[in-house]
Amino acid sequence: MKKIKLGNITLSLLSEDYNVRIRLGKEDILFANQNVDTVAVLVENNFNVVINHYKLMIDKGQKEFNFEDISFVSISIVLYYLYMYNSWRTLYKKQENKDLKFYEKDFSNPSTYDIVFNYFKAKYSNDWEAKCAVLLGMKLDELKAYYKTRENFYNK
């Protein structure tokens, strides 16, 4: 077992045959065909990319944020994409050499937005839209319109 500390977050990485299980609180994520050291480096590198991006967005938006919130959203996004990209490697022959780094384009992916929305909406019911607008680089009215399209997508 290996523990890695990312800001206020501690992840446990456990080797299980040729797989790695990451434990974050109550969450368990299994990465197939990986080893602990590789996954630890991937998680740390991708986490730094994501958290630094959101720190820049906060500086531009000049809004106060709790660092713990930014850390949690960042690690949630990182683990989502690492899991998805790693799964593609095992499911699709053409993807077996897919790079597991976080891509810049992933910041504007609807799944990324959903992770940000869900976290801040659950934690800050009165101020979630303003916080999400800053992190996603949108004006408040743009965010509200975009969020409405996501609600419509899920409630077909």
N, C-alpha and C. Protein backbone atom coordinates (compact mmCIF):
# COMPACT_ATOMS: atom_id res chain seq x y z
N MET A 1 0.85 -1.19 0.00
CA MET A 1 0.00 0.00 0.00
C MET A 1 0.88 1.24 0.00
N LYS A 2 0.41 2.24 -0.72
CA LYS A 2 1.12 3.51 -0.77
C LYS A 2 0.10 4.62 -0.54
N LYS A 3 0.49 5.60 0.25
CA LYS A 3 -0.37 6.76 0.48
C LYS A 3 0.27 7.96 -0.18
N ILE A 4 -0.57 8.76 -0.85
CA ILE A 4 -0.07 10.02 -1.41
C ILE A 4 -0.96 11.14 -0.88
N LYS A 5 -0.31 12.24 -0.54
CA LYS A 5 -1.00 13.40 0.01
C LYS A 5 -0.99 14.50 -1.04
N LEU A 6 -2.17 14.98 -1.36
CA LEU A 6 -2.35 16.06 -2.33
C LEU A 6 -3.10 17.18 -1.63
N GLY A 7 -2.38 18.17 -1.15
CA GLY A 7 -3.02 19.21 -0.36
C GLY A 7 -3.61 18.58 0.89
N ASN A 8 -4.91 18.75 1.08
CA ASN A 8 -5.59 18.21 2.25
C ASN A 8 -6.18 16.82 2.00
N ILE A 9 -5.88 16.22 0.87
CA ILE A 9 -6.45 14.93 0.48
C ILE A 9 -5.39 13.84 0.56
N THR A 10 -5.77 12.73 1.15
CA THR A 10 -4.87 11.57 1.20
C THR A 10 -5.53 10.43 0.44
N LEU A 11 -4.80 9.88 -0.50
CA LEU A 11 -5.26 8.73 -1.28
C LEU A 11 -4.48 7.50 -0.84
N SER A 12 -5.16 6.38 -0.78
CA SER A 12 -4.50 5.10 -0.54
C SER A 12 -4.49 4.33 -1.85
N LEU A 13 -3.32 3.85 -2.24
CA LEU A 13 -3.17 3.06 -3.46
C LEU A 13 -2.76 1.65 -3.05
N LEU A 14 -3.57 0.68 -3.46
CA LEU A 14 -3.32 -0.71 -3.09
C LEU A 14 -3.10 -1.54 -4.34
N SER A 15 -2.10 -2.37 -4.32
CA SER A 15 -1.83 -3.27 -5.43
C SER A 15 -2.70 -4.52 -5.27
N GLU A 16 -3.40 -4.87 -6.35
CA GLU A 16 -4.23 -6.08 -6.37
C GLU A 16 -3.95 -6.82 -7.67
N ASP A 17 -3.09 -7.80 -7.59
CA ASP A 17 -2.62 -8.53 -8.77
C ASP A 17 -1.99 -7.54 -9.74
N TYR A 18 -2.57 -7.38 -10.91
CA TYR A 18 -2.03 -6.44 -11.90
C TYR A 18 -2.87 -5.18 -11.97
N ASN A 19 -3.52 -4.85 -10.88
CA ASN A 19 -4.42 -3.70 -10.80
C ASN A 19 -4.04 -2.83 -9.61
N VAL A 20 -4.57 -1.61 -9.63
CA VAL A 20 -4.37 -0.70 -8.50
C VAL A 20 -5.73 -0.19 -8.07
N ARG A 21 -5.99 -0.28 -6.78
CA ARG A 21 -7.21 0.26 -6.21
C ARG A 21 -6.87 1.56 -5.49
N ILE A 22 -7.60 2.61 -5.83
CA ILE A 22 -7.43 3.90 -5.14
C ILE A 22 -8.61 4.08 -4.21
N ARG A 23 -8.29 4.42 -2.98
CA ARG A 23 -9.32 4.69 -1.99
C ARG A 23 -9.24 6.17 -1.61
N LEU A 24 -10.37 6.81 -1.73
CA LEU A 24 -10.52 8.21 -1.34
C LEU A 24 -11.80 8.29 -0.52
N GLY A 25 -11.65 8.34 0.78
CA GLY A 25 -12.84 8.33 1.65
C GLY A 25 -13.62 7.05 1.43
N LYS A 26 -14.88 7.19 1.03
CA LYS A 26 -15.74 6.03 0.80
C LYS A 26 -15.65 5.53 -0.64
N GLU A 27 -14.94 6.25 -1.48
CA GLU A 27 -14.82 5.85 -2.89
C GLU A 27 -13.69 4.86 -3.10
N ASP A 28 -13.95 3.93 -3.99
CA ASP A 28 -12.99 2.92 -4.40
C ASP A 28 -12.95 2.91 -5.93
N ILE A 29 -11.79 3.09 -6.51
CA ILE A 29 -11.66 3.08 -7.97
C ILE A 29 -10.57 2.09 -8.34
N LEU A 30 -10.89 1.19 -9.27
CA LEU A 30 -9.94 0.17 -9.69
C LEU A 30 -9.36 0.51 -11.06
N PHE A 31 -8.03 0.56 -11.13
CA PHE A 31 -7.32 0.81 -12.38
C PHE A 31 -6.69 -0.50 -12.83
N ALA A 32 -7.21 -1.03 -13.94
CA ALA A 32 -6.75 -2.32 -14.44
C ALA A 32 -5.40 -2.20 -15.11
N ASN A 33 -4.62 -3.25 -14.99
CA ASN A 33 -3.32 -3.36 -15.67
C ASN A 33 -2.39 -2.19 -15.37
N GLN A 34 -2.28 -1.84 -14.11
CA GLN A 34 -1.42 -0.75 -13.68
C GLN A 34 -0.61 -1.18 -12.47
N ASN A 35 0.40 -0.37 -12.13
CA ASN A 35 1.13 -0.62 -10.89
C ASN A 35 1.07 0.65 -10.04
N VAL A 36 1.28 0.49 -8.76
CA VAL A 36 1.09 1.56 -7.79
C VAL A 36 1.96 2.78 -8.10
N ASP A 37 3.23 2.56 -8.39
CA ASP A 37 4.12 3.70 -8.63
C ASP A 37 3.71 4.51 -9.85
N THR A 38 3.31 3.85 -10.92
CA THR A 38 2.88 4.56 -12.12
C THR A 38 1.62 5.36 -11.85
N VAL A 39 0.66 4.75 -11.17
CA VAL A 39 -0.60 5.44 -10.87
C VAL A 39 -0.34 6.62 -9.94
N ALA A 40 0.54 6.47 -8.97
CA ALA A 40 0.85 7.57 -8.06
C ALA A 40 1.39 8.78 -8.82
N VAL A 41 2.31 8.54 -9.74
CA VAL A 41 2.88 9.63 -10.54
C VAL A 41 1.81 10.26 -11.43
N LEU A 42 0.99 9.44 -12.07
CA LEU A 42 -0.09 9.95 -12.92
C LEU A 42 -1.06 10.83 -12.13
N VAL A 43 -1.46 10.35 -10.98
CA VAL A 43 -2.42 11.10 -10.15
C VAL A 43 -1.80 12.43 -9.72
N GLU A 44 -0.58 12.40 -9.23
CA GLU A 44 0.07 13.63 -8.77
C GLU A 44 0.25 14.63 -9.90
N ASN A 45 0.76 14.18 -11.05
CA ASN A 45 0.98 15.09 -12.18
C ASN A 45 -0.33 15.68 -12.69
N ASN A 46 -1.34 14.83 -12.86
CA ASN A 46 -2.62 15.32 -13.36
C ASN A 46 -3.32 16.23 -12.34
N PHE A 47 -3.19 15.90 -11.07
CA PHE A 47 -3.76 16.75 -10.03
C PHE A 47 -3.15 18.15 -10.09
N ASN A 48 -1.85 18.24 -10.25
CA ASN A 48 -1.19 19.55 -10.34
C ASN A 48 -1.66 20.34 -11.54
N VAL A 49 -1.87 19.70 -12.66
CA VAL A 49 -2.38 20.38 -13.86
C VAL A 49 -3.76 20.96 -13.57
N VAL A 50 -4.63 20.14 -13.00
CA VAL A 50 -6.02 20.56 -12.78
C VAL A 50 -6.11 21.64 -11.70
N ILE A 51 -5.45 21.44 -10.57
CA ILE A 51 -5.58 22.42 -9.49
C ILE A 51 -4.95 23.76 -9.89
N ASN A 52 -3.85 23.73 -10.63
CA ASN A 52 -3.24 24.98 -11.08
C ASN A 52 -4.14 25.73 -12.05
N HIS A 53 -4.86 25.00 -12.89
CA HIS A 53 -5.82 25.63 -13.80
C HIS A 53 -6.90 26.36 -12.99
N TYR A 54 -7.46 25.69 -11.99
CA TYR A 54 -8.52 26.31 -11.20
C TYR A 54 -8.00 27.46 -10.34
N LYS A 55 -6.77 27.38 -9.89
CA LYS A 55 -6.19 28.52 -9.16
C LYS A 55 -6.10 29.75 -10.07
N LEU A 56 -5.73 29.53 -11.32
CA LEU A 56 -5.69 30.64 -12.29
C LEU A 56 -7.09 31.22 -12.51
N MET A 57 -8.08 30.36 -12.63
CA MET A 57 -9.45 30.83 -12.84
C MET A 57 -9.92 31.65 -11.64
N ILE A 58 -9.56 31.22 -10.44
CA ILE A 58 -9.94 31.95 -9.23
C ILE A 58 -9.28 33.31 -9.20
N ASP A 59 -7.99 33.36 -9.56
CA ASP A 59 -7.29 34.64 -9.60
C ASP A 59 -7.94 35.60 -10.60
N LYS A 60 -8.32 35.08 -11.76
CA LYS A 60 -9.00 35.92 -12.78
C LYS A 60 -10.35 36.40 -12.27
N GLY A 61 -11.09 35.51 -11.60
CA GLY A 61 -12.43 35.84 -11.13
C GLY A 61 -12.45 36.63 -9.85
N GLN A 62 -11.31 36.70 -9.18
CA GLN A 62 -11.17 37.44 -7.93
C GLN A 62 -12.29 37.11 -6.94
N LYS A 63 -12.50 35.83 -6.72
CA LYS A 63 -13.51 35.37 -5.77
C LYS A 63 -12.84 34.48 -4.74
N GLU A 64 -13.33 34.53 -3.53
CA GLU A 64 -12.79 33.71 -2.45
C GLU A 64 -13.27 32.27 -2.59
N PHE A 65 -12.33 31.35 -2.44
CA PHE A 65 -12.64 29.93 -2.48
C PHE A 65 -11.91 29.23 -1.34
N ASN A 66 -12.51 28.17 -0.86
CA ASN A 66 -11.88 27.31 0.12
C ASN A 66 -10.95 26.36 -0.64
N PHE A 67 -9.69 26.32 -0.25
CA PHE A 67 -8.71 25.46 -0.93
C PHE A 67 -9.13 23.99 -0.89
N GLU A 68 -9.77 23.56 0.19
CA GLU A 68 -10.22 22.17 0.29
C GLU A 68 -11.23 21.84 -0.80
N ASP A 69 -12.10 22.79 -1.12
CA ASP A 69 -13.08 22.58 -2.20
C ASP A 69 -12.38 22.40 -3.54
N ILE A 70 -11.41 23.24 -3.80
CA ILE A 70 -10.69 23.18 -5.09
C ILE A 70 -9.90 21.87 -5.17
N SER A 71 -9.31 21.46 -4.08
CA SER A 71 -8.58 20.18 -4.06
C SER A 71 -9.52 19.02 -4.33
N PHE A 72 -10.67 19.01 -3.67
CA PHE A 72 -11.60 17.89 -3.84
C PHE A 72 -12.15 17.83 -5.26
N VAL A 73 -12.54 18.97 -5.81
CA VAL A 73 -13.04 18.99 -7.19
C VAL A 73 -11.94 18.55 -8.15
N SER A 74 -10.73 19.02 -7.92
CA SER A 74 -9.61 18.66 -8.79
C SER A 74 -9.33 17.17 -8.78
N ILE A 75 -9.28 16.57 -7.59
CA ILE A 75 -9.00 15.13 -7.53
C ILE A 75 -10.16 14.33 -8.10
N SER A 76 -11.38 14.79 -7.93
CA SER A 76 -12.54 14.11 -8.51
C SER A 76 -12.45 14.09 -10.04
N ILE A 77 -12.06 15.20 -10.60
CA ILE A 77 -11.91 15.31 -12.06
C ILE A 77 -10.77 14.41 -12.53
N VAL A 78 -9.66 14.45 -11.85
CA VAL A 78 -8.50 13.64 -12.22
C VAL A 78 -8.84 12.15 -12.19
N LEU A 79 -9.46 11.70 -11.13
CA LEU A 79 -9.78 10.28 -11.01
C LEU A 79 -10.81 9.85 -12.06
N TYR A 80 -11.75 10.72 -12.36
CA TYR A 80 -12.74 10.41 -13.40
C TYR A 80 -12.06 10.15 -14.74
N TYR A 81 -11.19 11.07 -15.15
CA TYR A 81 -10.54 10.93 -16.46
C TYR A 81 -9.51 9.81 -16.48
N LEU A 82 -8.76 9.66 -15.42
CA LEU A 82 -7.80 8.55 -15.37
C LEU A 82 -8.52 7.21 -15.49
N TYR A 83 -9.60 7.06 -14.77
CA TYR A 83 -10.36 5.82 -14.84
C TYR A 83 -10.89 5.59 -16.25
N MET A 84 -11.47 6.63 -16.82
CA MET A 84 -12.06 6.50 -18.16
C MET A 84 -10.98 6.18 -19.20
N TYR A 85 -9.89 6.93 -19.22
CA TYR A 85 -8.84 6.70 -20.20
C TYR A 85 -8.18 5.34 -20.01
N ASN A 86 -7.97 4.94 -18.76
CA ASN A 86 -7.37 3.64 -18.50
C ASN A 86 -8.32 2.51 -18.94
N SER A 87 -9.61 2.69 -18.73
CA SER A 87 -10.59 1.69 -19.16
C SER A 87 -10.57 1.54 -20.68
N TRP A 88 -10.45 2.66 -21.38
CA TRP A 88 -10.39 2.59 -22.85
C TRP A 88 -9.20 1.77 -23.30
N ARG A 89 -8.10 1.86 -22.57
CA ARG A 89 -6.90 1.09 -22.93
C ARG A 89 -7.18 -0.41 -22.93
N THR A 90 -7.97 -0.86 -21.98
CA THR A 90 -8.24 -2.29 -21.90
C THR A 90 -9.42 -2.72 -22.78
N LEU A 91 -10.32 -1.81 -23.07
CA LEU A 91 -11.51 -2.16 -23.86
C LEU A 91 -11.29 -2.08 -25.37
N TYR A 92 -10.46 -1.14 -25.81
CA TYR A 92 -10.33 -0.88 -27.25
C TYR A 92 -8.89 -1.05 -27.70
N LYS A 93 -8.70 -1.90 -28.67
CA LYS A 93 -7.37 -2.20 -29.20
C LYS A 93 -6.63 -0.93 -29.64
N LYS A 94 -7.34 -0.03 -30.31
CA LYS A 94 -6.70 1.20 -30.82
C LYS A 94 -6.29 2.15 -29.70
N GLN A 95 -6.80 1.94 -28.51
CA GLN A 95 -6.51 2.83 -27.38
C GLN A 95 -5.48 2.26 -26.41
N GLU A 96 -4.92 1.08 -26.72
CA GLU A 96 -4.06 0.42 -25.74
C GLU A 96 -2.81 1.20 -25.36
N ASN A 97 -2.40 2.16 -26.19
CA ASN A 97 -1.24 2.99 -25.86
C ASN A 97 -1.65 4.43 -25.50
N LYS A 98 -2.91 4.63 -25.18
CA LYS A 98 -3.42 5.97 -24.87
C LYS A 98 -2.66 6.57 -23.69
N ASP A 99 -2.27 7.81 -23.89
CA ASP A 99 -1.61 8.56 -22.82
C ASP A 99 -2.63 8.87 -21.73
N LEU A 100 -2.25 8.72 -20.50
CA LEU A 100 -3.18 8.93 -19.39
C LEU A 100 -3.06 10.31 -18.76
N LYS A 101 -2.53 11.25 -19.49
CA LYS A 101 -2.42 12.60 -18.93
C LYS A 101 -3.74 13.34 -19.12
N PHE A 102 -3.93 14.35 -18.31
CA PHE A 102 -5.12 15.19 -18.40
C PHE A 102 -4.91 16.18 -19.54
N TYR A 103 -5.85 16.21 -20.45
CA TYR A 103 -5.75 17.09 -21.63
C TYR A 103 -6.43 18.42 -21.36
N GLU A 104 -5.88 19.48 -21.92
CA GLU A 104 -6.46 20.82 -21.80
C GLU A 104 -7.93 20.83 -22.24
N LYS A 105 -8.24 20.10 -23.30
CA LYS A 105 -9.62 20.07 -23.82
C LYS A 105 -10.60 19.49 -22.80
N ASP A 106 -10.09 18.69 -21.85
CA ASP A 106 -10.97 18.09 -20.85
C ASP A 106 -11.59 19.12 -19.91
N PHE A 107 -10.97 20.29 -19.80
CA PHE A 107 -11.54 21.33 -18.94
C PHE A 107 -12.89 21.81 -19.46
N SER A 108 -13.12 21.73 -20.76
CA SER A 108 -14.39 22.19 -21.32
C SER A 108 -15.34 21.04 -21.65
N ASN A 109 -15.04 19.86 -21.17
CA ASN A 109 -15.89 18.70 -21.40
C ASN A 109 -17.11 18.78 -20.48
N PRO A 110 -18.30 18.46 -20.98
CA PRO A 110 -19.49 18.49 -20.12
C PRO A 110 -19.36 17.65 -18.85
N SER A 111 -18.62 16.56 -18.90
CA SER A 111 -18.44 15.74 -17.69
C SER A 111 -17.67 16.50 -16.62
N THR A 112 -16.69 17.28 -17.04
CA THR A 112 -15.94 18.12 -16.10
C THR A 112 -16.88 19.14 -15.47
N TYR A 113 -17.66 19.79 -16.30
CA TYR A 113 -18.61 20.78 -15.80
C TYR A 113 -19.57 20.14 -14.80
N ASP A 114 -20.04 18.94 -15.12
CA ASP A 114 -20.98 18.25 -14.23
C ASP A 114 -20.36 17.97 -12.86
N ILE A 115 -19.10 17.59 -12.85
CA ILE A 115 -18.41 17.33 -11.57
C ILE A 115 -18.36 18.62 -10.74
N VAL A 116 -18.01 19.72 -11.39
CA VAL A 116 -17.96 21.02 -10.70
C VAL A 116 -19.35 21.42 -10.22
N PHE A 117 -20.35 21.32 -11.10
CA PHE A 117 -21.72 21.67 -10.72
C PHE A 117 -22.19 20.86 -9.52
N ASN A 118 -22.04 19.56 -9.62
CA ASN A 118 -22.58 18.68 -8.57
C ASN A 118 -21.94 18.96 -7.21
N TYR A 119 -20.64 19.18 -7.21
CA TYR A 119 -19.96 19.44 -5.93
C TYR A 119 -20.43 20.75 -5.31
N PHE A 120 -20.37 21.83 -6.09
CA PHE A 120 -20.69 23.14 -5.53
C PHE A 120 -22.17 23.31 -5.25
N LYS A 121 -23.01 22.68 -6.06
CA LYS A 121 -24.46 22.77 -5.82
C LYS A 121 -24.81 22.06 -4.51
N ALA A 122 -24.17 20.94 -4.23
CA ALA A 122 -24.44 20.20 -2.99
C ALA A 122 -23.89 20.94 -1.77
N LYS A 123 -22.75 21.58 -1.91
CA LYS A 123 -22.10 22.19 -0.75
C LYS A 123 -22.51 23.65 -0.52
N TYR A 124 -22.79 24.38 -1.59
CA TYR A 124 -23.10 25.82 -1.47
C TYR A 124 -24.41 26.11 -2.20
N SER A 125 -25.50 25.72 -1.63
CA SER A 125 -26.79 25.84 -2.33
C SER A 125 -27.16 27.29 -2.69
N ASN A 126 -26.65 28.27 -1.96
CA ASN A 126 -26.98 29.67 -2.24
C ASN A 126 -26.00 30.35 -3.19
N ASP A 127 -24.78 29.85 -3.28
CA ASP A 127 -23.73 30.56 -4.02
C ASP A 127 -23.05 29.68 -5.08
N TRP A 128 -23.62 28.52 -5.37
CA TRP A 128 -22.95 27.58 -6.25
C TRP A 128 -22.78 28.11 -7.67
N GLU A 129 -23.76 28.83 -8.18
CA GLU A 129 -23.67 29.33 -9.56
C GLU A 129 -22.52 30.32 -9.72
N ALA A 130 -22.37 31.22 -8.76
CA ALA A 130 -21.29 32.21 -8.84
C ALA A 130 -19.92 31.53 -8.77
N LYS A 131 -19.80 30.53 -7.90
CA LYS A 131 -18.53 29.81 -7.77
C LYS A 131 -18.22 29.03 -9.05
N CYS A 132 -19.21 28.34 -9.58
CA CYS A 132 -19.01 27.57 -10.81
C CYS A 132 -18.67 28.49 -11.98
N ALA A 133 -19.31 29.65 -12.05
CA ALA A 133 -19.04 30.58 -13.14
C ALA A 133 -17.57 30.99 -13.14
N VAL A 134 -17.02 31.25 -11.97
CA VAL A 134 -15.60 31.61 -11.87
C VAL A 134 -14.72 30.46 -12.33
N LEU A 135 -14.97 29.28 -11.80
CA LEU A 135 -14.12 28.12 -12.12
C LEU A 135 -14.20 27.73 -13.59
N LEU A 136 -15.37 27.91 -14.20
CA LEU A 136 -15.56 27.50 -15.59
C LEU A 136 -15.34 28.65 -16.58
N GLY A 137 -14.99 29.82 -16.05
CA GLY A 137 -14.67 30.95 -16.92
C GLY A 137 -15.87 31.48 -17.70
N MET A 138 -17.02 31.51 -17.05
CA MET A 138 -18.25 31.97 -17.70
C MET A 138 -18.83 33.16 -16.95
N LYS A 139 -19.64 33.92 -17.64
CA LYS A 139 -20.45 34.92 -16.97
C LYS A 139 -21.62 34.18 -16.34
N LEU A 140 -22.21 34.77 -15.32
CA LEU A 140 -23.27 34.12 -14.57
C LEU A 140 -24.45 33.73 -15.47
N ASP A 141 -24.86 34.62 -16.37
CA ASP A 141 -25.99 34.30 -17.24
C ASP A 141 -25.63 33.18 -18.23
N GLU A 142 -24.37 33.12 -18.67
CA GLU A 142 -23.92 32.02 -19.54
C GLU A 142 -23.99 30.70 -18.78
N LEU A 143 -23.54 30.72 -17.53
CA LEU A 143 -23.55 29.51 -16.73
C LEU A 143 -24.97 29.02 -16.51
N LYS A 144 -25.87 29.92 -16.21
CA LYS A 144 -27.27 29.52 -15.97
C LYS A 144 -27.87 28.90 -17.22
N ALA A 145 -27.59 29.49 -18.38
CA ALA A 145 -28.11 28.94 -19.64
C ALA A 145 -27.50 27.56 -19.92
N TYR A 146 -26.19 27.44 -19.70
CA TYR A 146 -25.52 26.16 -19.93
C TYR A 146 -26.05 25.10 -18.97
N TYR A 147 -26.21 25.45 -17.70
CA TYR A 147 -26.71 24.50 -16.72
C TYR A 147 -28.11 24.02 -17.10
N LYS A 148 -28.92 24.91 -17.62
CA LYS A 148 -30.28 24.54 -18.06
C LYS A 148 -30.20 23.49 -19.17
N THR A 149 -29.25 23.63 -20.10
CA THR A 149 -29.10 22.63 -21.17
C THR A 149 -28.68 21.28 -20.59
N ARG A 150 -27.85 21.28 -19.54
CA ARG A 150 -27.44 20.03 -18.90
C ARG A 150 -28.64 19.39 -18.20
N GLU A 151 -29.44 20.19 -17.53
CA GLU A 151 -30.64 19.65 -16.89
C GLU A 151 -31.57 19.02 -17.93
N ASN A 152 -31.75 19.71 -19.04
CA ASN A 152 -32.60 19.18 -20.12
C ASN A 152 -32.02 17.89 -20.68
N PHE A 153 -30.72 17.81 -20.80
CA PHE A 153 -30.06 16.61 -21.29
C PHE A 153 -30.36 15.42 -20.39
N TYR A 154 -30.24 15.62 -19.09
CA TYR A 154 -30.45 14.53 -18.14
C TYR A 154 -31.92 14.21 -17.90
N ASN A 155 -32.80 15.15 -18.18
CA ASN A 155 -34.23 14.95 -17.88
C ASN A 155 -35.08 14.74 -19.13
N LYS A 156 -34.49 14.13 -20.14
CA LYS A 156 -35.25 13.88 -21.37
C LYS A 156 -36.37 12.91 -21.11
